[in-house]
Full PDB file with SEQRES, HELIX, SHEET, SSBOND, CRYST1, ORIGX, SCALE, CONECT and MASTER records, all heavy atoms in Angstrom:
SEQRES   1 A   35  LEU THR LEU ALA GLU ILE ALA ARG GLY ALA LEU LEU THR          
SEQRES   2 A   35  GLY PHE PRO TRP ASN ASP PHE GLY TYR GLY LEU ALA THR          
SEQRES   3 A   35  ASP LEU ARG PHE ALA GLN ILE ALA SER                          
HELIX    1 AA1 THR A    2  ARG A    8  1                                   7    
HELIX    2 AA2 LEU A   11  THR A   13  5                                   3    
HELIX    3 AA3 GLY A   21  ALA A   25  1                                   5    
HELIX    4 AA4 LEU A   28  ALA A   31  1                                   4    
HELIX    5 AA5 GLN A   32  ALA A   34  5                                   3    
CRYST1    1.000    1.000    1.000  90.00  90.00  90.00 P 1           1          
ORIGX1      1.000000  0.000000  0.000000        0.00000                         
ORIGX2      0.000000  1.000000  0.000000        0.00000                         
ORIGX3      0.000000  0.000000  1.000000        0.00000                         
SCALE1      1.000000  0.000000  0.000000        0.00000                         
SCALE2      0.000000  1.000000  0.000000        0.00000                         
SCALE3      0.000000  0.000000  1.000000        0.00000                         
ATOM      1  N   LEU A   1       0.833  -1.203  -0.040  1.00  0.00           N  
ATOM      2  CA  LEU A   1       0.021   0.025  -0.029  1.00  0.00           C  
ATOM      3  C   LEU A   1       0.821   1.271  -0.004  1.00  0.00           C  
ATOM      4  O   LEU A   1       0.394   2.302  -0.543  1.00  0.00           O  
ATOM      5  CB  LEU A   1      -0.974  -0.024   1.184  1.00  0.00           C  
ATOM      6  CG  LEU A   1      -2.415  -0.500   0.761  1.00  0.00           C  
ATOM      7  CD1 LEU A   1      -2.307  -2.012   0.444  1.00  0.00           C  
ATOM      8  CD2 LEU A   1      -3.337  -0.215   1.944  1.00  0.00           C  
ATOM      9  N   THR A   2       2.049   1.200   0.587  1.00  0.00           N  
ATOM     10  CA  THR A   2       3.001   2.366   0.511  1.00  0.00           C  
ATOM     11  C   THR A   2       3.431   2.559  -0.952  1.00  0.00           C  
ATOM     12  O   THR A   2       3.339   3.714  -1.430  1.00  0.00           O  
ATOM     13  CB  THR A   2       4.234   2.108   1.405  1.00  0.00           C  
ATOM     14  OG1 THR A   2       3.751   2.034   2.722  1.00  0.00           O  
ATOM     15  CG2 THR A   2       5.148   3.276   1.327  1.00  0.00           C  
ATOM     16  N   LEU A   3       3.702   1.497  -1.654  1.00  0.00           N  
ATOM     17  CA  LEU A   3       4.045   1.687  -3.072  1.00  0.00           C  
ATOM     18  C   LEU A   3       2.890   2.137  -3.839  1.00  0.00           C  
ATOM     19  O   LEU A   3       3.069   3.046  -4.817  1.00  0.00           O  
ATOM     20  CB  LEU A   3       4.472   0.305  -3.648  1.00  0.00           C  
ATOM     21  CG  LEU A   3       5.121   0.291  -5.064  1.00  0.00           C  
ATOM     22  CD1 LEU A   3       6.397   1.124  -4.994  1.00  0.00           C  
ATOM     23  CD2 LEU A   3       5.433  -1.113  -5.562  1.00  0.00           C  
ATOM     24  N   ALA A   4       1.624   1.758  -3.557  1.00  0.00           N  
ATOM     25  CA  ALA A   4       0.504   2.272  -4.255  1.00  0.00           C  
ATOM     26  C   ALA A   4       0.286   3.834  -3.920  1.00  0.00           C  
ATOM     27  O   ALA A   4      -0.060   4.578  -4.898  1.00  0.00           O  
ATOM     28  CB  ALA A   4      -0.804   1.594  -3.767  1.00  0.00           C  
ATOM     29  N   GLU A   5       0.629   4.251  -2.731  1.00  0.00           N  
ATOM     30  CA  GLU A   5       0.539   5.716  -2.499  1.00  0.00           C  
ATOM     31  C   GLU A   5       1.619   6.478  -3.199  1.00  0.00           C  
ATOM     32  O   GLU A   5       1.355   7.596  -3.591  1.00  0.00           O  
ATOM     33  CB  GLU A   5       0.667   5.805  -0.848  1.00  0.00           C  
ATOM     34  CG  GLU A   5      -0.464   5.382  -0.087  1.00  0.00           C  
ATOM     35  CD  GLU A   5      -1.747   6.361  -0.281  1.00  0.00           C  
ATOM     36  OE1 GLU A   5      -2.454   6.037  -1.318  1.00  0.00           O  
ATOM     37  OE2 GLU A   5      -2.012   7.179   0.502  1.00  0.00           O  
ATOM     38  N   ILE A   6       2.813   5.878  -3.320  1.00  0.00           N  
ATOM     39  CA  ILE A   6       3.872   6.516  -4.108  1.00  0.00           C  
ATOM     40  C   ILE A   6       3.384   6.749  -5.545  1.00  0.00           C  
ATOM     41  O   ILE A   6       3.478   7.790  -6.123  1.00  0.00           O  
ATOM     42  CB  ILE A   6       5.166   5.751  -4.142  1.00  0.00           C  
ATOM     43  CG1 ILE A   6       5.689   5.711  -2.675  1.00  0.00           C  
ATOM     44  CG2 ILE A   6       6.162   6.175  -5.144  1.00  0.00           C  
ATOM     45  CD1 ILE A   6       6.898   4.793  -2.538  1.00  0.00           C  
ATOM     46  N   ALA A   7       2.717   5.674  -6.125  1.00  0.00           N  
ATOM     47  CA  ALA A   7       2.193   5.767  -7.483  1.00  0.00           C  
ATOM     48  C   ALA A   7       1.130   6.828  -7.619  1.00  0.00           C  
ATOM     49  O   ALA A   7       1.001   7.602  -8.541  1.00  0.00           O  
ATOM     50  CB  ALA A   7       1.702   4.390  -7.923  1.00  0.00           C  
ATOM     51  N   ARG A   8       0.211   6.838  -6.589  1.00  0.00           N  
ATOM     52  CA  ARG A   8      -0.877   7.811  -6.590  1.00  0.00           C  
ATOM     53  C   ARG A   8      -0.330   9.225  -6.593  1.00  0.00           C  
ATOM     54  O   ARG A   8      -0.902  10.204  -7.134  1.00  0.00           O  
ATOM     55  CB  ARG A   8      -1.773   7.628  -5.379  1.00  0.00           C  
ATOM     56  CG  ARG A   8      -2.857   8.624  -5.243  1.00  0.00           C  
ATOM     57  CD  ARG A   8      -3.919   8.127  -4.337  1.00  0.00           C  
ATOM     58  NE  ARG A   8      -3.555   8.160  -2.886  1.00  0.00           N  
ATOM     59  CZ  ARG A   8      -3.659   9.301  -2.070  1.00  0.00           C  
ATOM     60  NH1 ARG A   8      -4.202  10.387  -2.551  1.00  0.00           N  
ATOM     61  NH2 ARG A   8      -3.317   9.202  -0.778  1.00  0.00           N  
ATOM     62  N   GLY A   9       0.792   9.431  -5.963  1.00  0.00           N  
ATOM     63  CA  GLY A   9       1.392  10.795  -5.877  1.00  0.00           C  
ATOM     64  C   GLY A   9       2.223  11.244  -7.094  1.00  0.00           C  
ATOM     65  O   GLY A   9       2.643  12.339  -7.156  1.00  0.00           O  
ATOM     66  N   ALA A  10       2.404  10.243  -8.002  1.00  0.00           N  
ATOM     67  CA  ALA A  10       3.277  10.522  -9.143  1.00  0.00           C  
ATOM     68  C   ALA A  10       2.632  10.505 -10.487  1.00  0.00           C  
ATOM     69  O   ALA A  10       2.855  11.183 -11.430  1.00  0.00           O  
ATOM     70  CB  ALA A  10       4.428   9.656  -9.097  1.00  0.00           C  
ATOM     71  N   LEU A  11       1.750   9.456 -10.758  1.00  0.00           N  
ATOM     72  CA  LEU A  11       1.242   9.209 -11.982  1.00  0.00           C  
ATOM     73  C   LEU A  11       0.138  10.194 -12.453  1.00  0.00           C  
ATOM     74  O   LEU A  11      -0.645  10.713 -11.574  1.00  0.00           O  
ATOM     75  CB  LEU A  11       0.592   7.777 -12.080  1.00  0.00           C  
ATOM     76  CG  LEU A  11       1.582   6.731 -11.851  1.00  0.00           C  
ATOM     77  CD1 LEU A  11       0.960   5.289 -11.858  1.00  0.00           C  
ATOM     78  CD2 LEU A  11       2.824   6.720 -12.810  1.00  0.00           C  
ATOM     79  N   LEU A  12       0.071  10.531 -13.734  1.00  0.00           N  
ATOM     80  CA  LEU A  12      -0.946  11.411 -14.229  1.00  0.00           C  
ATOM     81  C   LEU A  12      -0.907  12.744 -13.474  1.00  0.00           C  
ATOM     82  O   LEU A  12      -1.993  13.188 -13.064  1.00  0.00           O  
ATOM     83  CB  LEU A  12      -2.333  10.751 -14.212  1.00  0.00           C  
ATOM     84  CG  LEU A  12      -2.493   9.471 -15.117  1.00  0.00           C  
ATOM     85  CD1 LEU A  12      -3.865   8.936 -14.927  1.00  0.00           C  
ATOM     86  CD2 LEU A  12      -2.142   9.756 -16.516  1.00  0.00           C  
ATOM     87  N   THR A  13       0.136  13.341 -13.316  1.00  0.00           N  
ATOM     88  CA  THR A  13       0.500  14.556 -12.571  1.00  0.00           C  
ATOM     89  C   THR A  13       0.538  14.397 -11.098  1.00  0.00           C  
ATOM     90  O   THR A  13       1.050  15.194 -10.418  1.00  0.00           O  
ATOM     91  CB  THR A  13      -0.381  15.733 -12.968  1.00  0.00           C  
ATOM     92  OG1 THR A  13      -1.706  15.694 -12.253  1.00  0.00           O  
ATOM     93  CG2 THR A  13      -0.747  15.842 -14.452  1.00  0.00           C  
ATOM     94  N   GLY A  14      -0.072  13.312 -10.623  1.00  0.00           N  
ATOM     95  CA  GLY A  14      -0.071  12.929  -9.213  1.00  0.00           C  
ATOM     96  C   GLY A  14      -1.021  13.694  -8.266  1.00  0.00           C  
ATOM     97  O   GLY A  14      -1.347  14.904  -8.609  1.00  0.00           O  
ATOM     98  N   PHE A  15      -1.496  13.111  -7.295  1.00  0.00           N  
ATOM     99  CA  PHE A  15      -2.328  13.671  -6.297  1.00  0.00           C  
ATOM    100  C   PHE A  15      -2.215  12.995  -4.932  1.00  0.00           C  
ATOM    101  O   PHE A  15      -3.048  12.182  -4.563  1.00  0.00           O  
ATOM    102  CB  PHE A  15      -3.835  13.687  -6.792  1.00  0.00           C  
ATOM    103  CG  PHE A  15      -4.781  14.578  -5.970  1.00  0.00           C  
ATOM    104  CD1 PHE A  15      -4.399  15.918  -5.852  1.00  0.00           C  
ATOM    105  CD2 PHE A  15      -5.800  14.037  -5.264  1.00  0.00           C  
ATOM    106  CE1 PHE A  15      -5.343  16.736  -5.148  1.00  0.00           C  
ATOM    107  CE2 PHE A  15      -6.616  14.829  -4.505  1.00  0.00           C  
ATOM    108  CZ  PHE A  15      -6.437  16.201  -4.401  1.00  0.00           C  
ATOM    109  N   PRO A  16      -1.113  13.307  -4.219  1.00  0.00           N  
ATOM    110  CA  PRO A  16      -0.886  12.632  -2.946  1.00  0.00           C  
ATOM    111  C   PRO A  16      -1.610  13.207  -1.763  1.00  0.00           C  
ATOM    112  O   PRO A  16      -1.160  12.978  -0.627  1.00  0.00           O  
ATOM    113  CB  PRO A  16       0.652  12.843  -2.792  1.00  0.00           C  
ATOM    114  CG  PRO A  16       0.831  14.149  -3.425  1.00  0.00           C  
ATOM    115  CD  PRO A  16      -0.037  14.188  -4.596  1.00  0.00           C  
ATOM    116  N   TRP A  17      -2.757  13.703  -1.974  1.00  0.00           N  
ATOM    117  CA  TRP A  17      -3.537  14.338  -0.906  1.00  0.00           C  
ATOM    118  C   TRP A  17      -3.975  13.256   0.015  1.00  0.00           C  
ATOM    119  O   TRP A  17      -4.503  12.286  -0.420  1.00  0.00           O  
ATOM    120  CB  TRP A  17      -4.694  15.169  -1.485  1.00  0.00           C  
ATOM    121  CG  TRP A  17      -5.396  16.130  -0.579  1.00  0.00           C  
ATOM    122  CD1 TRP A  17      -6.193  15.894   0.413  1.00  0.00           C  
ATOM    123  CD2 TRP A  17      -5.205  17.484  -0.688  1.00  0.00           C  
ATOM    124  NE1 TRP A  17      -6.500  17.100   1.001  1.00  0.00           N  
ATOM    125  CE2 TRP A  17      -5.956  18.122   0.383  1.00  0.00           C  
ATOM    126  CE3 TRP A  17      -4.502  18.385  -1.576  1.00  0.00           C  
ATOM    127  CZ2 TRP A  17      -5.965  19.503   0.493  1.00  0.00           C  
ATOM    128  CZ3 TRP A  17      -4.557  19.774  -1.331  1.00  0.00           C  
ATOM    129  CH2 TRP A  17      -5.313  20.316  -0.330  1.00  0.00           C  
ATOM    130  N   ASN A  18      -3.971  13.580   1.297  1.00  0.00           N  
ATOM    131  CA  ASN A  18      -4.372  12.589   2.366  1.00  0.00           C  
ATOM    132  C   ASN A  18      -3.703  11.239   2.265  1.00  0.00           C  
ATOM    133  O   ASN A  18      -4.309  10.148   2.388  1.00  0.00           O  
ATOM    134  CB  ASN A  18      -5.925  12.382   2.329  1.00  0.00           C  
ATOM    135  CG  ASN A  18      -6.657  13.515   3.001  1.00  0.00           C  
ATOM    136  OD1 ASN A  18      -6.016  14.474   3.429  1.00  0.00           O  
ATOM    137  ND2 ASN A  18      -7.914  13.521   3.026  1.00  0.00           N  
ATOM    138  N   ASP A  19      -2.417  11.238   1.875  1.00  0.00           N  
ATOM    139  CA  ASP A  19      -1.530  10.040   2.025  1.00  0.00           C  
ATOM    140  C   ASP A  19      -1.782   9.510   3.423  1.00  0.00           C  
ATOM    141  O   ASP A  19      -1.960  10.168   4.354  1.00  0.00           O  
ATOM    142  CB  ASP A  19      -0.144  10.410   1.739  1.00  0.00           C  
ATOM    143  CG  ASP A  19       0.741   9.291   1.755  1.00  0.00           C  
ATOM    144  OD1 ASP A  19       1.034   8.676   2.861  1.00  0.00           O  
ATOM    145  OD2 ASP A  19       1.299   8.886   0.679  1.00  0.00           O  
ATOM    146  N   PHE A  20      -1.790   8.154   3.519  1.00  0.00           N  
ATOM    147  CA  PHE A  20      -2.000   7.464   4.762  1.00  0.00           C  
ATOM    148  C   PHE A  20      -0.987   7.987   5.917  1.00  0.00           C  
ATOM    149  O   PHE A  20      -1.296   8.058   7.113  1.00  0.00           O  
ATOM    150  CB  PHE A  20      -1.892   6.001   4.718  1.00  0.00           C  
ATOM    151  CG  PHE A  20      -3.063   5.353   3.948  1.00  0.00           C  
ATOM    152  CD1 PHE A  20      -2.958   4.646   2.800  1.00  0.00           C  
ATOM    153  CD2 PHE A  20      -4.365   5.540   4.486  1.00  0.00           C  
ATOM    154  CE1 PHE A  20      -4.017   4.081   2.166  1.00  0.00           C  
ATOM    155  CE2 PHE A  20      -5.414   4.834   3.894  1.00  0.00           C  
ATOM    156  CZ  PHE A  20      -5.286   4.148   2.712  1.00  0.00           C  
ATOM    157  N   GLY A  21       0.236   8.459   5.337  1.00  0.00           N  
ATOM    158  CA  GLY A  21       1.207   8.916   6.302  1.00  0.00           C  
ATOM    159  C   GLY A  21       0.824  10.141   7.104  1.00  0.00           C  
ATOM    160  O   GLY A  21       1.295  10.395   8.204  1.00  0.00           O  
ATOM    161  N   TYR A  22      -0.229  10.936   6.568  1.00  0.00           N  
ATOM    162  CA  TYR A  22      -0.635  12.182   7.330  1.00  0.00           C  
ATOM    163  C   TYR A  22      -1.406  11.808   8.497  1.00  0.00           C  
ATOM    164  O   TYR A  22      -1.627  12.681   9.393  1.00  0.00           O  
ATOM    165  CB  TYR A  22      -1.444  13.012   6.321  1.00  0.00           C  
ATOM    166  CG  TYR A  22      -0.516  13.679   5.311  1.00  0.00           C  
ATOM    167  CD1 TYR A  22      -0.705  13.410   3.903  1.00  0.00           C  
ATOM    168  CD2 TYR A  22       0.393  14.634   5.686  1.00  0.00           C  
ATOM    169  CE1 TYR A  22       0.070  14.066   3.023  1.00  0.00           C  
ATOM    170  CE2 TYR A  22       1.219  15.310   4.702  1.00  0.00           C  
ATOM    171  CZ  TYR A  22       1.031  14.940   3.442  1.00  0.00           C  
ATOM    172  OH  TYR A  22       1.818  15.575   2.384  1.00  0.00           O  
ATOM    173  N   GLY A  23      -1.781  10.513   8.628  1.00  0.00           N  
ATOM    174  CA  GLY A  23      -2.639  10.068   9.804  1.00  0.00           C  
ATOM    175  C   GLY A  23      -1.748  10.349  11.054  1.00  0.00           C  
ATOM    176  O   GLY A  23      -2.159  11.043  11.929  1.00  0.00           O  
ATOM    177  N   LEU A  24      -0.555   9.772  11.095  1.00  0.00           N  
ATOM    178  CA  LEU A  24       0.307   9.960  12.307  1.00  0.00           C  
ATOM    179  C   LEU A  24       0.927  11.443  12.353  1.00  0.00           C  
ATOM    180  O   LEU A  24       1.098  11.880  13.442  1.00  0.00           O  
ATOM    181  CB  LEU A  24       1.527   9.003  12.236  1.00  0.00           C  
ATOM    182  CG  LEU A  24       1.208   7.622  12.746  1.00  0.00           C  
ATOM    183  CD1 LEU A  24       2.511   6.704  12.663  1.00  0.00           C  
ATOM    184  CD2 LEU A  24       0.613   7.483  14.085  1.00  0.00           C  
ATOM    185  N   ALA A  25       1.025  12.070  11.182  1.00  0.00           N  
ATOM    186  CA  ALA A  25       1.614  13.353  11.150  1.00  0.00           C  
ATOM    187  C   ALA A  25       0.692  14.384  11.861  1.00  0.00           C  
ATOM    188  O   ALA A  25       1.227  15.561  12.116  1.00  0.00           O  
ATOM    189  CB  ALA A  25       1.862  13.769   9.720  1.00  0.00           C  
ATOM    190  N   THR A  26      -0.562  14.113  12.100  1.00  0.00           N  
ATOM    191  CA  THR A  26      -1.382  15.014  12.827  1.00  0.00           C  
ATOM    192  C   THR A  26      -0.869  15.265  14.204  1.00  0.00           C  
ATOM    193  O   THR A  26      -1.247  16.274  14.861  1.00  0.00           O  
ATOM    194  CB  THR A  26      -2.860  14.676  12.725  1.00  0.00           C  
ATOM    195  OG1 THR A  26      -2.940  13.393  13.277  1.00  0.00           O  
ATOM    196  CG2 THR A  26      -3.387  14.631  11.326  1.00  0.00           C  
ATOM    197  N   ASP A  27      -0.039  14.357  14.747  1.00  0.00           N  
ATOM    198  CA  ASP A  27       0.569  14.547  16.069  1.00  0.00           C  
ATOM    199  C   ASP A  27       1.925  14.996  15.779  1.00  0.00           C  
ATOM    200  O   ASP A  27       2.774  14.302  15.120  1.00  0.00           O  
ATOM    201  CB  ASP A  27       0.524  13.223  16.849  1.00  0.00           C  
ATOM    202  CG  ASP A  27       1.071  13.371  18.292  1.00  0.00           C  
ATOM    203  OD1 ASP A  27       2.133  14.060  18.421  1.00  0.00           O  
ATOM    204  OD2 ASP A  27       0.472  12.839  19.177  1.00  0.00           O  
ATOM    205  N   LEU A  28       2.252  16.225  16.310  1.00  0.00           N  
ATOM    206  CA  LEU A  28       3.616  16.908  15.930  1.00  0.00           C  
ATOM    207  C   LEU A  28       4.802  16.073  16.398  1.00  0.00           C  
ATOM    208  O   LEU A  28       5.858  16.070  15.759  1.00  0.00           O  
ATOM    209  CB  LEU A  28       3.578  18.194  16.494  1.00  0.00           C  
ATOM    210  CG  LEU A  28       4.652  19.210  15.982  1.00  0.00           C  
ATOM    211  CD1 LEU A  28       4.427  19.319  14.446  1.00  0.00           C  
ATOM    212  CD2 LEU A  28       4.475  20.546  16.634  1.00  0.00           C  
ATOM    213  N   ARG A  29       4.624  15.206  17.473  1.00  0.00           N  
ATOM    214  CA  ARG A  29       5.716  14.447  17.987  1.00  0.00           C  
ATOM    215  C   ARG A  29       6.030  13.218  16.939  1.00  0.00           C  
ATOM    216  O   ARG A  29       7.184  12.949  16.638  1.00  0.00           O  
ATOM    217  CB  ARG A  29       5.397  13.943  19.262  1.00  0.00           C  
ATOM    218  CG  ARG A  29       5.470  15.040  20.387  1.00  0.00           C  
ATOM    219  CD  ARG A  29       4.670  14.719  21.578  1.00  0.00           C  
ATOM    220  NE  ARG A  29       3.140  14.780  21.212  1.00  0.00           N  
ATOM    221  CZ  ARG A  29       2.210  14.937  22.084  1.00  0.00           C  
ATOM    222  NH1 ARG A  29       2.495  15.197  23.317  1.00  0.00           N  
ATOM    223  NH2 ARG A  29       0.918  14.942  21.724  1.00  0.00           N  
ATOM    224  N   PHE A  30       4.967  12.592  16.476  1.00  0.00           N  
ATOM    225  CA  PHE A  30       5.237  11.582  15.464  1.00  0.00           C  
ATOM    226  C   PHE A  30       5.800  12.237  14.173  1.00  0.00           C  
ATOM    227  O   PHE A  30       6.496  11.517  13.462  1.00  0.00           O  
ATOM    228  CB  PHE A  30       3.820  10.786  15.131  1.00  0.00           C  
ATOM    229  CG  PHE A  30       3.431   9.913  16.248  1.00  0.00           C  
ATOM    230  CD1 PHE A  30       2.076  10.043  16.631  1.00  0.00           C  
ATOM    231  CD2 PHE A  30       4.272   8.966  16.868  1.00  0.00           C  
ATOM    232  CE1 PHE A  30       1.670   9.139  17.707  1.00  0.00           C  
ATOM    233  CE2 PHE A  30       3.801   8.167  17.880  1.00  0.00           C  
ATOM    234  CZ  PHE A  30       2.523   8.224  18.210  1.00  0.00           C  
ATOM    235  N   ALA A  31       5.298  13.394  13.907  1.00  0.00           N  
ATOM    236  CA  ALA A  31       5.626  14.012  12.572  1.00  0.00           C  
ATOM    237  C   ALA A  31       7.180  14.316  12.507  1.00  0.00           C  
ATOM    238  O   ALA A  31       7.704  14.424  11.321  1.00  0.00           O  
ATOM    239  CB  ALA A  31       4.855  15.312  12.354  1.00  0.00           C  
ATOM    240  N   GLN A  32       7.881  14.370  13.642  1.00  0.00           N  
ATOM    241  CA  GLN A  32       9.289  14.697  13.616  1.00  0.00           C  
ATOM    242  C   GLN A  32      10.137  13.749  12.742  1.00  0.00           C  
ATOM    243  O   GLN A  32      11.180  13.985  12.190  1.00  0.00           O  
ATOM    244  CB  GLN A  32       9.907  14.862  14.951  1.00  0.00           C  
ATOM    245  CG  GLN A  32       9.203  15.998  15.816  1.00  0.00           C  
ATOM    246  CD  GLN A  32       9.216  17.281  15.107  1.00  0.00           C  
ATOM    247  OE1 GLN A  32      10.343  17.771  14.693  1.00  0.00           O  
ATOM    248  NE2 GLN A  32       8.102  17.870  14.957  1.00  0.00           N  
ATOM    249  N   ILE A  33       9.668  12.419  12.710  1.00  0.00           N  
ATOM    250  CA  ILE A  33      10.373  11.432  12.028  1.00  0.00           C  
ATOM    251  C   ILE A  33      10.440  11.706  10.453  1.00  0.00           C  
ATOM    252  O   ILE A  33      11.278  11.205   9.737  1.00  0.00           O  
ATOM    253  CB  ILE A  33       9.824  10.035  12.257  1.00  0.00           C  
ATOM    254  CG1 ILE A  33      10.833   8.853  11.808  1.00  0.00           C  
ATOM    255  CG2 ILE A  33       8.435   9.835  11.639  1.00  0.00           C  
ATOM    256  CD1 ILE A  33      12.112   8.931  12.464  1.00  0.00           C  
ATOM    257  N   ALA A  34       9.479  12.577   9.933  1.00  0.00           N  
ATOM    258  CA  ALA A  34       9.521  12.980   8.640  1.00  0.00           C  
ATOM    259  C   ALA A  34      10.843  13.698   8.212  1.00  0.00           C  
ATOM    260  O   ALA A  34      11.173  13.757   7.064  1.00  0.00           O  
ATOM    261  CB  ALA A  34       8.321  13.856   8.285  1.00  0.00           C  
ATOM    262  N   SER A  35      11.484  14.217   9.175  1.00  0.00           N  
ATOM    263  CA  SER A  35      12.801  14.865   8.919  1.00  0.00           C  
ATOM    264  C   SER A  35      13.905  13.889   8.489  1.00  0.00           C  
ATOM    265  O   SER A  35      14.980  14.300   7.968  1.00  0.00           O  
ATOM    266  CB  SER A  35      13.306  15.684  10.122  1.00  0.00           C  
ATOM    267  OG  SER A  35      13.605  14.840  11.192  1.00  0.00           O  
TER     268      SER A  35                                                      
MASTER        0    0    0    5    0    0    0    6  267    1    0    3          
END                                                                             
């Protein structure tokens, strides 16, 4: 499903809106790992 999300964000100009990763990112402490 992560690979599918990568494809969604890239193909046909891409639209990665509401990628599943934003679920944890709503908590700023979890979001730090994005660095």
